[in-house]
Amino acid sequence: MRQFSADYIFPINAAPIPNGVITVDDDGTITSPPAPLLGNERGVTHLKGILCPGFVNTHCHLELSHMKKQVSENKGMTGFIGELISKRNNFTEEEIENRIALAEQEMICSGVVAVGDISNNNSTFKQKAKGNLAYHTFIEIFSLDPSKAEQTYQSGKKLEEELKRSSINNHVSVSPHAPYTMSLELLNLINEDAKANNNIITIHNQESAGENELFESNTGVMYDAFKNMGINPTFMRKTGKNALESTLPYLKDAKKILLVHNTFTTQKEIHWIKSNISDLTSNIYFCTCPNANLYIENRLPDYQLFINENCKVTVGTDSLASNWSLSVLDELKTISKHHPGIELNTLLTWATKNGAEFLGFDQLGTLEKGKRPGLNLLKNTDGMKLTERTSVFKII
C-alpha cells in the first residue's frame, strides 16, 4: 500500500482537493479515495504538483508512427492526404514496427493509459498483443465505389477477427473513415454491423471546409483534388447539406459515435444533432486533436461552443504524421494557451473521464475507490493552470 499527497488532487468525479492524499494498492488499485491531508498520516509521499488519473487518447493512428516529420505542415487536408499517400509506403516493415513500439512507449511515458487507435492494416497488432496499454481498435474502412462496399466491409471484418485472435486487447469495431470517403452502401453495412454487435464507432468529421463544400455543391478544393486523383465524380454525393448532416443519419444505430476533429463544426450542426439524434450526451462524443488541427489546417475548433452546448468532449493526438508528439498533455497545453479561460478540471475531464467512458474502460478515468486508472503528476503548474513548462510524470 502506498500513499501520495500533492498540492492538488483532481479526482475528476469530484471537485479538486487542495493538499489532498490518496491511497493505492501495490497493483495500482485505489483503496482509499482522495481526501484532505490531515497531517498525522504516516508513510505519505509528498509530491509538488497536481495528481490526476491516467490520460485517455481517444484518437490515434499508431500505424503512421514512421511518418513523423515526413509530411509538410499547414498544407491543408488535401495537401496532407496527398503527401501521406505518396510517402507512407517508403519504409520497411522493420522500420514501421520499430517506430510503432517507440511511439507506444512515448505515450506510456507521457501518462497515457488507454488509446482509441485507428487501424487500416495489421501493423500494430503485434505491439498491441503485448498488453502495455488498453486499446480499443477501430478498423477503419473506406470506399466511394458502391460496387466495392461489400468487399471493403468484409476486408475490415477479416482484420477485426485477426486482431481478436492475436491480442488480449480485443476491444475492436469496424468504423468509417470520413464522410467524404464513404458510399451510402458502405455506411449502411457499418451501421448494420454496429447495431448487431452493439459497437462503438468513430468517424473523422468536418476537419476542413472542403468537406462541407463537397457535399453542399460538389465544388471546392476537396472536390477538385478527388477529380484530379481520377475518382469518378458520380461517386461524390451532392446533398445540399454539410458533411455531418449528409452522413450521421446513416450511422444512427451505433451504441456511441465519436466525431473526430470537428474543426469547422458550428452551433448549427450541434443543434441539428440535438434535434435529430436522441440523447446527445450519452451517444455522441466530440474528439479534439488540437495540435493536428494546427499542423494541417492551422485552425482550432470553437471550444467554448462545445462547453456552452454541454457536449461530451474527448482528446486525441492523431498521428505522428500530423503531430509533433503523442502526448495528451501537449494537447491540453495547446488548448489552454489559446483558450486560457477553460478550467483545468474541464480539460482533465476531457482527457480522462470522458475518453474512458466512450471507450468503455470502466476502471479508468476517475480516482475512485476500486479503480485502477493510473496516476499522473503534473509538475510546474501555476496553481491550477497549465503553463508552457508543465510536464507530466507517470506515478503509476
Protein backbone atom coordinates (compact mmCIF):
# COMPACT_ATOMS: atom_id res chain seq x y z
CA MET A 1 0.00 0.00 0.00
CA ARG A 2 1.23 3.49 -0.89
CA GLN A 3 0.00 6.96 -0.05
CA PHE A 4 0.62 10.07 -2.14
CA SER A 5 -0.18 13.68 -1.40
CA ALA A 6 0.06 16.68 -3.69
CA ASP A 7 -0.72 20.38 -3.87
CA TYR A 8 -3.96 19.41 -5.58
CA ILE A 9 -5.67 16.13 -6.41
CA PHE A 10 -8.16 16.10 -9.29
CA PRO A 11 -10.42 13.05 -8.80
CA ILE A 12 -12.45 14.20 -11.87
CA ASN A 13 -15.65 12.67 -10.45
CA ALA A 14 -15.49 15.27 -7.66
CA ALA A 15 -14.13 18.75 -7.08
CA PRO A 16 -10.32 19.23 -6.88
CA ILE A 17 -8.88 18.70 -3.40
CA PRO A 18 -6.18 21.11 -2.19
CA ASN A 19 -3.38 19.43 -0.22
CA GLY A 20 -5.01 16.02 -0.76
CA VAL A 21 -3.90 12.45 -0.16
CA ILE A 22 -4.73 9.22 -1.99
CA THR A 23 -4.04 5.58 -1.10
CA VAL A 24 -3.31 2.90 -3.68
CA ASP A 25 -2.52 -0.81 -3.51
CA ASP A 26 0.66 -2.31 -4.97
CA ASP A 27 -1.12 -3.08 -8.25
CA GLY A 28 -2.38 0.49 -8.59
CA THR A 29 -5.92 -0.11 -7.29
CA ILE A 30 -7.24 2.84 -5.32
CA THR A 31 -8.02 1.59 -1.80
CA SER A 32 -8.98 4.93 -0.32
CA PRO A 33 -10.38 7.79 -2.40
CA PRO A 34 -8.74 11.22 -2.39
CA ALA A 35 -9.27 13.22 0.79
CA PRO A 36 -7.77 16.27 2.50
CA LEU A 37 -4.41 15.58 4.17
CA LEU A 38 -4.83 15.69 7.94
CA GLY A 39 -1.14 15.85 8.73
CA ASN A 40 -0.94 12.83 11.02
CA GLU A 41 -0.75 10.20 8.26
CA ARG A 42 2.40 8.07 8.22
CA GLY A 43 4.38 6.97 5.21
CA VAL A 44 2.93 9.58 2.87
CA THR A 45 4.98 10.51 -0.20
CA HIS A 46 4.62 14.26 -0.65
CA LEU A 47 4.65 15.49 -4.26
CA LYS A 48 4.68 19.03 -5.61
CA GLY A 49 2.13 19.50 -8.33
CA ILE A 50 -1.24 18.08 -9.36
CA LEU A 51 -2.28 14.41 -9.21
CA CYS A 52 -4.85 13.21 -11.72
CA PRO A 53 -5.92 9.94 -13.42
CA GLY A 54 -4.00 8.50 -16.36
CA PHE A 55 -4.79 10.07 -19.73
CA VAL A 56 -7.01 8.51 -22.40
CA ASN A 57 -6.03 9.22 -26.01
CA THR A 58 -9.25 8.60 -27.93
CA HIS A 59 -7.89 9.19 -31.43
CA CYS A 60 -4.53 7.92 -32.60
CA HIS A 61 -3.11 6.42 -35.78
CA LEU A 62 -0.31 4.37 -34.26
CA GLU A 63 0.39 2.67 -37.59
CA LEU A 64 1.58 6.01 -39.01
CA SER A 65 4.29 6.49 -36.38
CA HIS A 66 7.00 6.04 -39.02
CA MET A 67 5.71 9.17 -40.77
CA LYS A 68 6.98 11.66 -38.19
CA LYS A 69 8.30 14.80 -39.93
CA GLN A 70 7.56 13.24 -43.33
CA VAL A 71 4.53 15.40 -44.17
CA SER A 72 4.69 19.18 -44.52
CA GLU A 73 2.84 21.42 -42.09
CA ASN A 74 -0.04 23.78 -42.98
CA LYS A 75 -0.75 22.25 -46.40
CA GLY A 76 -4.46 21.80 -45.75
CA MET A 77 -6.30 18.49 -45.76
CA THR A 78 -5.89 17.73 -49.45
CA GLY A 79 -2.17 18.54 -49.36
CA PHE A 80 -1.73 16.40 -46.26
CA ILE A 81 -3.56 13.43 -47.79
CA GLY A 82 -1.53 13.69 -50.99
CA GLU A 83 1.83 13.68 -49.21
CA LEU A 84 0.77 10.91 -46.86
CA ILE A 85 -0.31 8.62 -49.70
CA SER A 86 2.88 9.25 -51.66
CA LYS A 87 5.25 8.62 -48.75
CA ARG A 88 3.70 6.18 -46.27
CA ASN A 89 4.89 3.03 -48.07
CA ASN A 90 8.52 4.12 -48.45
CA PHE A 91 9.56 2.23 -45.31
CA THR A 92 10.46 -1.36 -44.45
CA GLU A 93 8.26 -3.48 -42.24
CA GLU A 94 11.01 -3.49 -39.59
CA GLU A 95 11.19 0.32 -39.60
CA ILE A 96 7.44 0.58 -39.22
CA GLU A 97 7.35 -1.91 -36.33
CA ASN A 98 10.21 -0.15 -34.52
CA ARG A 99 8.54 3.25 -34.82
CA ILE A 100 5.24 1.81 -33.55
CA ALA A 101 6.99 0.42 -30.45
CA LEU A 102 8.74 3.72 -29.80
CA ALA A 103 5.52 5.68 -30.23
CA GLU A 104 3.69 3.42 -27.78
CA GLN A 105 6.48 3.90 -25.26
CA GLU A 106 6.21 7.67 -25.75
CA MET A 107 2.52 7.51 -24.86
CA ILE A 108 3.19 5.39 -21.77
CA CYS A 109 5.89 7.78 -20.53
CA SER A 110 3.55 10.74 -21.08
CA GLY A 111 0.90 9.23 -18.80
CA VAL A 112 -1.45 7.66 -21.34
CA VAL A 113 -3.20 4.51 -20.08
CA ALA A 114 -5.68 3.82 -22.90
CA VAL A 115 -5.95 4.54 -26.62
CA GLY A 116 -8.65 4.60 -29.26
CA ASP A 117 -6.50 3.58 -32.21
CA ILE A 118 -7.26 3.65 -35.92
CA SER A 119 -6.05 0.66 -37.98
CA ASN A 120 -6.16 0.31 -41.75
CA ASN A 121 -3.93 -2.77 -41.60
CA ASN A 122 -2.41 -5.19 -39.08
CA SER A 123 0.92 -3.42 -38.49
CA THR A 124 0.08 -2.51 -34.88
CA PHE A 125 -1.40 -5.86 -33.87
CA LYS A 126 1.90 -7.40 -32.74
CA GLN A 127 2.61 -4.46 -30.44
CA LYS A 128 -0.92 -4.39 -29.05
CA ALA A 129 -0.65 -8.09 -28.19
CA LYS A 130 1.97 -7.20 -25.57
CA GLY A 131 -0.72 -5.60 -23.40
CA ASN A 132 1.27 -2.49 -22.49
CA LEU A 133 -1.76 -0.22 -22.94
CA ALA A 134 -5.50 -0.68 -23.07
CA TYR A 135 -6.65 -0.28 -26.69
CA HIS A 136 -9.92 -0.08 -28.50
CA THR A 137 -9.01 -0.58 -32.15
CA PHE A 138 -11.20 0.98 -34.79
CA ILE A 139 -10.75 -0.95 -38.04
CA GLU A 140 -11.09 1.91 -40.49
CA ILE A 141 -12.55 1.22 -43.92
CA PHE A 142 -13.42 3.45 -46.84
CA SER A 143 -14.59 3.30 -50.45
CA LEU A 144 -16.64 5.66 -52.60
CA ASP A 145 -17.47 2.93 -55.12
CA PRO A 146 -20.85 1.39 -54.24
CA SER A 147 -19.94 -1.83 -56.08
CA LYS A 148 -16.99 -2.34 -53.72
CA ALA A 149 -18.90 -1.81 -50.47
CA GLU A 150 -19.34 -5.49 -49.56
CA GLN A 151 -15.75 -6.37 -50.42
CA THR A 152 -14.41 -3.44 -48.40
CA TYR A 153 -16.59 -4.30 -45.42
CA GLN A 154 -15.53 -7.96 -45.45
CA SER A 155 -11.86 -6.93 -45.57
CA GLY A 156 -12.47 -4.89 -42.43
CA LYS A 157 -14.18 -7.81 -40.70
CA LYS A 158 -11.22 -10.07 -41.52
CA LEU A 159 -8.85 -7.60 -39.84
CA GLU A 160 -11.19 -7.44 -36.86
CA GLU A 161 -11.11 -11.23 -36.47
CA GLU A 162 -7.32 -11.29 -36.88
CA LEU A 163 -6.91 -8.81 -34.04
CA LYS A 164 -9.28 -10.75 -31.79
CA ARG A 165 -7.22 -13.90 -32.34
CA SER A 166 -3.85 -12.24 -31.81
CA SER A 167 -4.34 -9.93 -28.89
CA ILE A 168 -5.61 -9.64 -25.35
CA ASN A 169 -6.52 -6.10 -26.41
CA ASN A 170 -9.55 -7.33 -28.33
CA HIS A 171 -11.76 -4.28 -27.93
CA VAL A 172 -12.38 -3.69 -31.63
CA SER A 173 -15.02 -2.46 -34.07
CA VAL A 174 -15.26 -1.62 -37.77
CA SER A 175 -15.60 2.12 -38.40
CA PRO A 176 -15.90 4.55 -41.33
CA HIS A 177 -13.02 6.85 -42.22
CA ALA A 178 -14.76 10.12 -43.07
CA PRO A 179 -17.96 11.34 -44.76
CA TYR A 180 -16.12 12.13 -47.98
CA THR A 181 -14.68 8.63 -48.43
CA MET A 182 -17.83 6.57 -47.89
CA SER A 183 -20.57 5.32 -50.18
CA LEU A 184 -24.05 5.03 -48.71
CA GLU A 185 -23.85 1.28 -49.23
CA LEU A 186 -20.71 1.06 -47.08
CA LEU A 187 -22.16 3.32 -44.38
CA ASN A 188 -25.21 1.08 -44.20
CA LEU A 189 -23.08 -2.05 -43.79
CA ILE A 190 -21.15 -0.45 -40.93
CA ASN A 191 -24.37 0.68 -39.29
CA GLU A 192 -25.86 -2.82 -39.52
CA ASP A 193 -22.67 -4.27 -38.01
CA ALA A 194 -22.73 -1.72 -35.18
CA LYS A 195 -26.38 -2.47 -34.43
CA ALA A 196 -25.85 -6.23 -34.43
CA ASN A 197 -22.78 -6.09 -32.19
CA ASN A 198 -23.61 -3.06 -30.01
CA ASN A 199 -20.48 -1.37 -31.36
CA ILE A 200 -19.00 2.00 -30.72
CA ILE A 201 -17.64 3.68 -33.84
CA THR A 202 -15.63 6.75 -34.78
CA ILE A 203 -15.51 8.97 -37.85
CA HIS A 204 -13.41 11.97 -38.88
CA ASN A 205 -15.74 14.97 -39.06
CA GLN A 206 -15.52 18.46 -40.61
CA GLU A 207 -11.75 18.68 -40.39
CA SER A 208 -11.68 21.05 -43.36
CA ALA A 209 -14.00 23.49 -45.09
CA GLY A 210 -13.67 21.45 -48.29
CA GLU A 211 -15.66 18.59 -46.77
CA ASN A 212 -18.77 20.70 -46.44
CA GLU A 213 -18.33 22.23 -49.89
CA LEU A 214 -18.05 18.78 -51.43
CA PHE A 215 -21.47 17.73 -50.15
CA GLU A 216 -23.21 21.07 -50.43
CA SER A 217 -22.33 21.86 -54.03
CA ASN A 218 -19.74 19.42 -55.44
CA THR A 219 -17.20 22.25 -55.54
CA GLY A 220 -14.10 23.28 -53.62
CA VAL A 221 -10.56 22.03 -53.07
CA MET A 222 -11.55 18.54 -51.96
CA TYR A 223 -13.84 18.00 -54.94
CA ASP A 224 -11.10 19.22 -57.29
CA ALA A 225 -8.48 17.04 -55.60
CA PHE A 226 -10.64 13.93 -55.90
CA LYS A 227 -11.27 14.61 -59.59
CA ASN A 228 -7.54 15.03 -60.15
CA MET A 229 -6.98 11.68 -58.42
CA GLY A 230 -9.24 10.05 -61.02
CA ILE A 231 -12.18 9.39 -58.71
CA ASN A 232 -15.49 9.09 -60.55
CA PRO A 233 -17.39 12.35 -59.87
CA THR A 234 -20.68 10.46 -59.70
CA PHE A 235 -19.40 8.75 -56.52
CA MET A 236 -19.14 12.12 -54.74
CA ARG A 237 -22.53 12.76 -53.21
CA LYS A 238 -24.10 16.19 -53.70
CA THR A 239 -26.72 16.51 -50.97
CA GLY A 240 -27.10 20.25 -50.48
CA LYS A 241 -26.26 19.65 -46.82
CA ASN A 242 -22.99 19.76 -44.87
CA ALA A 243 -20.81 16.68 -44.39
CA LEU A 244 -22.16 15.83 -40.93
CA GLU A 245 -25.83 16.08 -41.90
CA SER A 246 -25.11 14.03 -45.02
CA THR A 247 -23.59 11.17 -43.03
CA LEU A 248 -24.70 10.82 -39.42
CA PRO A 249 -28.28 9.63 -40.18
CA TYR A 250 -26.80 6.54 -41.83
CA LEU A 251 -24.93 5.61 -38.61
CA LYS A 252 -27.88 6.05 -36.26
CA ASP A 253 -27.74 2.55 -34.73
CA ALA A 254 -24.24 2.62 -33.29
CA LYS A 255 -24.04 2.43 -29.50
CA LYS A 256 -21.82 5.52 -29.33
CA ILE A 257 -20.23 7.67 -32.02
CA LEU A 258 -17.03 9.67 -31.68
CA LEU A 259 -16.85 12.60 -34.10
CA VAL A 260 -13.19 13.46 -34.54
CA HIS A 261 -11.61 16.88 -35.17
CA ASN A 262 -14.78 18.99 -35.63
CA THR A 263 -12.60 21.92 -36.65
CA PHE A 264 -15.35 23.50 -38.75
CA THR A 265 -18.34 22.30 -36.70
CA THR A 266 -20.74 25.10 -35.79
CA GLN A 267 -23.61 25.65 -33.40
CA LYS A 268 -25.97 24.88 -36.29
CA GLU A 269 -24.60 21.33 -36.56
CA ILE A 270 -24.73 20.73 -32.81
CA HIS A 271 -28.34 21.92 -32.67
CA TRP A 272 -29.09 19.69 -35.63
CA ILE A 273 -27.65 16.72 -33.74
CA LYS A 274 -29.71 17.55 -30.68
CA SER A 275 -32.90 17.72 -32.70
CA ASN A 276 -32.22 14.66 -34.85
CA ILE A 277 -30.18 12.27 -32.69
CA SER A 278 -31.68 11.45 -29.31
CA ASP A 279 -29.70 11.61 -26.06
CA LEU A 280 -26.71 13.59 -27.28
CA THR A 281 -24.74 13.41 -24.03
CA SER A 282 -24.66 9.63 -23.88
CA ASN A 283 -24.38 8.75 -27.57
CA ILE A 284 -22.42 11.43 -29.41
CA TYR A 285 -18.93 12.45 -28.32
CA PHE A 286 -16.65 15.06 -29.86
CA CYS A 287 -12.91 14.38 -30.02
CA THR A 288 -10.47 17.24 -30.40
CA CYS A 289 -6.91 16.88 -31.70
CA PRO A 290 -5.70 20.49 -31.45
CA ASN A 291 -2.07 20.01 -32.44
CA ALA A 292 -3.04 18.04 -35.53
CA ASN A 293 -5.56 20.75 -36.43
CA LEU A 294 -2.78 23.34 -36.24
CA TYR A 295 -0.38 21.05 -38.12
CA ILE A 296 -2.75 20.52 -41.05
CA GLU A 297 -5.20 23.44 -41.22
CA ASN A 298 -3.62 25.90 -38.76
CA ARG A 299 -7.02 26.28 -37.11
CA LEU A 300 -8.67 25.14 -33.88
CA PRO A 301 -12.31 24.25 -33.16
CA ASP A 302 -14.56 26.60 -31.20
CA TYR A 303 -14.11 25.00 -27.77
CA GLN A 304 -16.41 27.44 -25.99
CA LEU A 305 -19.20 26.28 -28.31
CA PHE A 306 -18.83 22.69 -27.12
CA ILE A 307 -18.74 23.82 -23.49
CA ASN A 308 -21.81 26.04 -23.90
CA GLU A 309 -23.72 23.21 -25.58
CA ASN A 310 -22.74 20.72 -22.83
CA CYS A 311 -21.09 18.34 -25.30
CA LYS A 312 -19.04 15.33 -24.24
CA VAL A 313 -15.52 16.21 -25.42
CA THR A 314 -12.54 13.86 -25.53
CA VAL A 315 -8.89 14.36 -26.52
CA GLY A 316 -6.80 12.67 -29.20
CA THR A 317 -3.34 13.14 -30.66
CA ASP A 318 -3.98 11.97 -34.22
CA SER A 319 -0.76 10.52 -35.70
CA LEU A 320 2.91 11.41 -35.81
CA ALA A 321 2.32 12.18 -39.48
CA SER A 322 0.24 15.17 -38.35
CA ASN A 323 1.66 15.98 -34.92
CA TRP A 324 4.88 16.67 -33.10
CA SER A 325 4.17 14.20 -30.26
CA LEU A 326 1.63 11.71 -28.93
CA SER A 327 1.33 13.48 -25.58
CA VAL A 328 -2.19 14.22 -24.36
CA LEU A 329 -0.73 16.84 -22.03
CA ASP A 330 0.71 18.66 -25.05
CA GLU A 331 -2.82 18.80 -26.48
CA LEU A 332 -4.20 20.25 -23.24
CA LYS A 333 -1.42 22.84 -23.13
CA THR A 334 -2.29 23.95 -26.66
CA ILE A 335 -5.96 24.35 -25.77
CA SER A 336 -5.05 26.22 -22.58
CA LYS A 337 -2.69 28.53 -24.46
CA HIS A 338 -5.32 29.56 -26.99
CA HIS A 339 -8.28 29.43 -24.59
CA PRO A 340 -6.92 30.30 -21.11
CA GLY A 341 -10.41 30.70 -19.71
CA ILE A 342 -11.15 26.96 -19.86
CA GLU A 343 -10.75 25.50 -16.37
CA LEU A 344 -8.21 22.77 -15.77
CA ASN A 345 -10.84 20.45 -14.32
CA THR A 346 -12.73 20.71 -17.62
CA LEU A 347 -9.59 19.93 -19.65
CA LEU A 348 -8.72 16.96 -17.46
CA THR A 349 -12.29 15.65 -17.67
CA TRP A 350 -11.94 15.66 -21.46
CA ALA A 351 -8.57 13.87 -21.20
CA THR A 352 -9.59 11.20 -18.69
CA LYS A 353 -13.19 10.50 -17.69
CA ASN A 354 -14.92 11.25 -20.99
CA GLY A 355 -12.46 9.20 -23.03
CA ALA A 356 -12.62 6.21 -20.68
CA GLU A 357 -16.41 6.43 -20.73
CA PHE A 358 -16.60 6.48 -24.52
CA LEU A 359 -14.15 3.59 -25.00
CA GLY A 360 -15.85 1.54 -22.28
CA PHE A 361 -12.86 1.23 -19.94
CA ASP A 362 -14.73 1.38 -16.63
CA GLN A 363 -11.61 1.01 -14.47
CA LEU A 364 -10.10 4.19 -15.88
CA GLY A 365 -10.84 7.90 -15.97
CA THR A 366 -11.53 8.86 -12.33
CA LEU A 367 -9.81 8.48 -8.96
CA GLU A 368 -12.45 6.34 -7.28
CA LYS A 369 -12.08 3.51 -4.80
CA GLY A 370 -11.68 0.14 -6.52
CA LYS A 371 -10.49 1.56 -9.83
CA ARG A 372 -7.05 1.26 -11.44
CA PRO A 373 -6.94 4.44 -13.50
CA GLY A 374 -3.22 5.16 -13.38
CA LEU A 375 -1.87 8.21 -11.58
CA ASN A 376 -0.16 11.18 -13.21
CA LEU A 377 1.69 14.05 -11.57
CA LEU A 378 1.54 17.38 -13.39
CA LYS A 379 4.59 19.42 -12.45
CA ASN A 380 5.42 23.09 -12.97
CA THR A 381 1.85 24.32 -13.00
CA ASP A 382 0.75 27.80 -11.99
CA GLY A 383 -1.63 26.81 -9.24
CA MET A 384 -4.46 25.16 -11.16
CA LYS A 385 -3.28 26.40 -14.55
CA LEU A 386 -1.11 24.72 -17.14
CA THR A 387 1.95 26.58 -18.40
CA GLU A 388 4.43 26.06 -21.22
CA ARG A 389 6.73 24.42 -18.65
CA THR A 390 4.13 21.97 -17.31
CA SER A 391 5.29 18.37 -17.60
CA VAL A 392 3.83 15.01 -16.65
CA PHE A 393 5.40 12.27 -14.55
CA LYS A 394 3.74 8.88 -14.52
CA ILE A 395 3.42 7.77 -10.87
CA ILE A 396 1.50 4.56 -11.60
